[in-house]
Each structure stands twice: as C-alpha cells, then as structure tokens.
Amino acid sequence: MAGAYEDWEEEFTVLASELKISDAVRLQLQKTGLLRCNPSREGEEAVVDLGLQNLVVFEPKPSLNGEDDVVYLMARTKFMHPKVYALAVDTRNSVLLGAAEFSTGLRSLSGLTYHFGAITKYI
C-alpha cells in the first residue's frame, strides 16, 4: 500500500463515539491522561473528561504487521498541544486496541524536538 491518501479505499466507517474500549485499554487511557483536559481559562472546571470524538486526530497509517483492519492514528487533546498519542484502531470490529504517548514536544532554537515513547510495542 502506498502512503498517498488517494491510494486508500473505504471499507469501513468508524465513529469515535461508537468505538468499543476494553477495561484494560480504558485504564491505559486514564494513566496517559489522554481523555482528561485541564482548563484553559479561569472559571472552567478543574478537569474535563473527554470522549474519543473530542480528540484532534490526524495522520492515519496502516498496520505494518499485516493486520489489514488495524489503522494507527495520532491524537491530541487540543490542536497544537505538545503531547501526541498513538491510537491503534481495529476498523472492522470498531475496537480501540490501545493508546500510547508518542511524543512530547519541547521548544528549542532549532524548532520542535520529539521524545519518542513506547509506540513500538503496538506496531
């Protein structure tokens, strides 16, 4: 499969609000803080629980392990937030397989520096 989006074929429609999440993956999400959002303004709730449909999701990539129905997505709680997470989604069964912090960006003189996380265990 080529990397161009034009080469992708639609087989399934997956809605974030309808993804099944196991208890183990839900615990994983709680540990990463991916579905928790701190307030950006005074007067907002201390912590807001987000649904998967509230994440900024980008860069879909097919699995490299021959799992045709698994797609990896990058996700952030807010646009341009420095913390980025990788999500593994089984598109055929509408199941979130896992999530891991992919990187934390640090501003430096030369631009953005990435610190890679434990995503390799999902690929």
C-alpha atoms as a PDB file:
ATOM      1  CA  MET A   1       0.000   0.000   0.000  1.00  0.00           C
ATOM      2  CA  ALA A   2       1.358   3.401  -0.934  1.00  0.00           C
ATOM      3  CA  GLY A   3       1.414   6.253   1.528  1.00  0.00           C
ATOM      4  CA  ALA A   4      -0.728   8.636  -0.519  1.00  0.00           C
ATOM      5  CA  TYR A   5      -4.260   9.215   0.738  1.00  0.00           C
ATOM      6  CA  GLU A   6      -5.540   8.689  -2.826  1.00  0.00           C
ATOM      7  CA  ASP A   7      -4.479   5.034  -2.531  1.00  0.00           C
ATOM      8  CA  TRP A   8      -6.737   4.381   0.444  1.00  0.00           C
ATOM      9  CA  GLU A   9     -10.039   2.611  -0.170  1.00  0.00           C
ATOM     10  CA  GLU A  10     -13.013   2.992   2.138  1.00  0.00           C
ATOM     11  CA  GLU A  11     -14.120  -0.356   3.545  1.00  0.00           C
ATOM     12  CA  PHE A  12     -15.473   0.647   6.937  1.00  0.00           C
ATOM     13  CA  THR A  13     -16.841   3.730   8.612  1.00  0.00           C
ATOM     14  CA  VAL A  14     -15.724   4.020  12.214  1.00  0.00           C
ATOM     15  CA  LEU A  15     -17.234   6.592  14.559  1.00  0.00           C
ATOM     16  CA  ALA A  16     -15.109   7.536  17.557  1.00  0.00           C
ATOM     17  CA  SER A  17     -18.186   7.764  19.762  1.00  0.00           C
ATOM     18  CA  GLU A  18     -19.030   4.126  18.951  1.00  0.00           C
ATOM     19  CA  LEU A  19     -15.589   2.549  19.442  1.00  0.00           C
ATOM     20  CA  LYS A  20     -15.550  -0.268  21.977  1.00  0.00           C
ATOM     21  CA  ILE A  21     -12.920   0.114  24.690  1.00  0.00           C
ATOM     22  CA  SER A  22     -11.915  -2.768  26.966  1.00  0.00           C
ATOM     23  CA  ASP A  23     -11.361  -2.186  30.679  1.00  0.00           C
ATOM     24  CA  ALA A  24      -7.594  -2.668  30.202  1.00  0.00           C
ATOM     25  CA  VAL A  25      -7.434  -0.037  27.440  1.00  0.00           C
ATOM     26  CA  ARG A  26      -9.678   2.308  29.435  1.00  0.00           C
ATOM     27  CA  LEU A  27      -7.209   2.033  32.347  1.00  0.00           C
ATOM     28  CA  GLN A  28      -4.378   2.736  29.906  1.00  0.00           C
ATOM     29  CA  LEU A  29      -6.215   5.879  28.703  1.00  0.00           C
ATOM     30  CA  GLN A  30      -6.708   7.060  32.283  1.00  0.00           C
ATOM     31  CA  LYS A  31      -2.990   6.614  33.025  1.00  0.00           C
ATOM     32  CA  THR A  32      -1.925   8.619  29.966  1.00  0.00           C
ATOM     33  CA  GLY A  33      -4.399  11.414  30.670  1.00  0.00           C
ATOM     34  CA  LEU A  34      -5.460  11.448  27.020  1.00  0.00           C
ATOM     35  CA  LEU A  35      -9.144  11.789  27.834  1.00  0.00           C
ATOM     36  CA  ARG A  36      -8.585  14.420  30.532  1.00  0.00           C
ATOM     37  CA  CYS A  37      -8.366  18.096  29.709  1.00  0.00           C
ATOM     38  CA  ASN A  38      -7.180  20.794  32.096  1.00  0.00           C
ATOM     39  CA  PRO A  39      -8.923  24.158  31.921  1.00  0.00           C
ATOM     40  CA  SER A  40      -7.544  26.786  29.579  1.00  0.00           C
ATOM     41  CA  ARG A  41      -9.451  29.685  31.163  1.00  0.00           C
ATOM     42  CA  GLU A  42     -10.312  30.794  34.676  1.00  0.00           C
ATOM     43  CA  GLY A  43     -13.704  29.620  35.830  1.00  0.00           C
ATOM     44  CA  GLU A  44     -13.632  26.352  33.862  1.00  0.00           C
ATOM     45  CA  GLU A  45     -13.982  23.004  35.590  1.00  0.00           C
ATOM     46  CA  ALA A  46     -10.755  21.731  37.136  1.00  0.00           C
ATOM     47  CA  VAL A  47     -10.615  18.689  34.847  1.00  0.00           C
ATOM     48  CA  VAL A  48     -12.916  17.806  31.985  1.00  0.00           C
ATOM     49  CA  ASP A  49     -13.456  14.224  30.810  1.00  0.00           C
ATOM     50  CA  LEU A  50     -13.329  13.960  27.031  1.00  0.00           C
ATOM     51  CA  GLY A  51     -14.778  11.360  24.702  1.00  0.00           C
ATOM     52  CA  LEU A  52     -12.697   9.954  21.854  1.00  0.00           C
ATOM     53  CA  GLN A  53     -14.777  12.045  19.454  1.00  0.00           C
ATOM     54  CA  ASN A  54     -13.393  15.219  21.102  1.00  0.00           C
ATOM     55  CA  LEU A  55      -9.769  14.483  20.224  1.00  0.00           C
ATOM     56  CA  VAL A  56      -7.883  16.095  17.354  1.00  0.00           C
ATOM     57  CA  VAL A  57      -6.957  13.069  15.217  1.00  0.00           C
ATOM     58  CA  PHE A  58      -4.603  13.048  12.229  1.00  0.00           C
ATOM     59  CA  GLU A  59      -2.062  11.035  10.188  1.00  0.00           C
ATOM     60  CA  PRO A  60      -3.811   7.670   9.666  1.00  0.00           C
ATOM     61  CA  LYS A  61      -1.339   4.876   8.940  1.00  0.00           C
ATOM     62  CA  PRO A  62      -1.979   1.210   8.108  1.00  0.00           C
ATOM     63  CA  SER A  63      -0.512  -1.500  10.318  1.00  0.00           C
ATOM     64  CA  LEU A  64       2.932  -2.741   9.315  1.00  0.00           C
ATOM     65  CA  ASN A  65       2.270  -6.219  10.754  1.00  0.00           C
ATOM     66  CA  GLY A  66      -0.095  -7.376   8.022  1.00  0.00           C
ATOM     67  CA  GLU A  67      -3.178  -6.593  10.113  1.00  0.00           C
ATOM     68  CA  ASP A  68      -5.266  -5.168   7.271  1.00  0.00           C
ATOM     69  CA  ASP A  69      -8.027  -3.880   9.536  1.00  0.00           C
ATOM     70  CA  VAL A  70      -5.798  -2.033  12.021  1.00  0.00           C
ATOM     71  CA  VAL A  71      -5.123   1.667  11.498  1.00  0.00           C
ATOM     72  CA  TYR A  72      -2.878   3.836  13.652  1.00  0.00           C
ATOM     73  CA  LEU A  73      -3.905   7.429  14.305  1.00  0.00           C
ATOM     74  CA  MET A  74      -2.123  10.273  16.009  1.00  0.00           C
ATOM     75  CA  ALA A  75      -4.237  12.199  18.540  1.00  0.00           C
ATOM     76  CA  ARG A  76      -4.084  15.323  20.682  1.00  0.00           C
ATOM     77  CA  THR A  77      -6.478  16.741  23.247  1.00  0.00           C
ATOM     78  CA  LYS A  78      -6.186  20.190  21.642  1.00  0.00           C
ATOM     79  CA  PHE A  79      -4.870  21.489  18.323  1.00  0.00           C
ATOM     80  CA  MET A  80      -1.080  22.037  18.507  1.00  0.00           C
ATOM     81  CA  HIS A  81      -0.874  20.597  22.045  1.00  0.00           C
ATOM     82  CA  PRO A  82       2.683  19.294  22.574  1.00  0.00           C
ATOM     83  CA  LYS A  83       1.631  15.845  23.815  1.00  0.00           C
ATOM     84  CA  VAL A  84       0.811  13.440  20.998  1.00  0.00           C
ATOM     85  CA  TYR A  85      -0.612   9.938  21.390  1.00  0.00           C
ATOM     86  CA  ALA A  86      -0.802   6.996  19.007  1.00  0.00           C
ATOM     87  CA  LEU A  87      -4.097   5.111  18.852  1.00  0.00           C
ATOM     88  CA  ALA A  88      -4.475   1.619  17.401  1.00  0.00           C
ATOM     89  CA  VAL A  89      -7.973   1.050  15.983  1.00  0.00           C
ATOM     90  CA  ASP A  90      -9.431  -2.204  14.662  1.00  0.00           C
ATOM     91  CA  THR A  91     -11.659  -0.752  11.941  1.00  0.00           C
ATOM     92  CA  ARG A  92     -13.502  -3.987  11.129  1.00  0.00           C
ATOM     93  CA  ASN A  93     -14.690  -4.535  14.707  1.00  0.00           C
ATOM     94  CA  SER A  94     -14.768  -0.863  15.853  1.00  0.00           C
ATOM     95  CA  VAL A  95     -12.426  -1.516  18.781  1.00  0.00           C
ATOM     96  CA  LEU A  96      -9.749   0.731  20.262  1.00  0.00           C
ATOM     97  CA  LEU A  97      -6.846  -1.691  20.706  1.00  0.00           C
ATOM     98  CA  GLY A  98      -4.500   0.591  22.587  1.00  0.00           C
ATOM     99  CA  ALA A  99      -3.048   4.026  23.113  1.00  0.00           C
ATOM    100  CA  ALA A 100       0.437   5.216  23.978  1.00  0.00           C
ATOM    101  CA  GLU A 101       2.110   8.564  24.401  1.00  0.00           C
ATOM    102  CA  PHE A 102       4.080   9.026  21.202  1.00  0.00           C
ATOM    103  CA  SER A 103       5.996  12.186  21.901  1.00  0.00           C
ATOM    104  CA  THR A 104       6.266  15.291  23.950  1.00  0.00           C
ATOM    105  CA  GLY A 105       7.391  18.353  22.089  1.00  0.00           C
ATOM    106  CA  LEU A 106       9.899  20.763  23.519  1.00  0.00           C
ATOM    107  CA  ARG A 107      10.530  24.160  22.011  1.00  0.00           C
ATOM    108  CA  SER A 108      14.152  24.770  21.144  1.00  0.00           C
ATOM    109  CA  LEU A 109      16.050  27.222  18.980  1.00  0.00           C
ATOM    110  CA  SER A 110      16.002  24.815  16.044  1.00  0.00           C
ATOM    111  CA  GLY A 111      12.274  24.052  16.209  1.00  0.00           C
ATOM    112  CA  LEU A 112      10.400  21.170  17.755  1.00  0.00           C
ATOM    113  CA  THR A 113      12.222  18.226  19.302  1.00  0.00           C
ATOM    114  CA  TYR A 114      10.446  14.912  19.809  1.00  0.00           C
ATOM    115  CA  HIS A 115      10.995  12.366  22.552  1.00  0.00           C
ATOM    116  CA  PHE A 116       9.669   9.008  21.403  1.00  0.00           C
ATOM    117  CA  GLY A 117       7.594   6.808  23.683  1.00  0.00           C
ATOM    118  CA  ALA A 118       6.575   3.174  23.760  1.00  0.00           C
ATOM    119  CA  ILE A 119       4.603   3.073  20.495  1.00  0.00           C
ATOM    120  CA  THR A 120       6.796   0.315  19.041  1.00  0.00           C
ATOM    121  CA  LYS A 121       5.041  -2.305  21.148  1.00  0.00           C
ATOM    122  CA  TYR A 122       1.844  -1.574  19.167  1.00  0.00           C
ATOM    123  CA  ILE A 123       3.393  -1.716  15.684  1.00  0.00           C
END
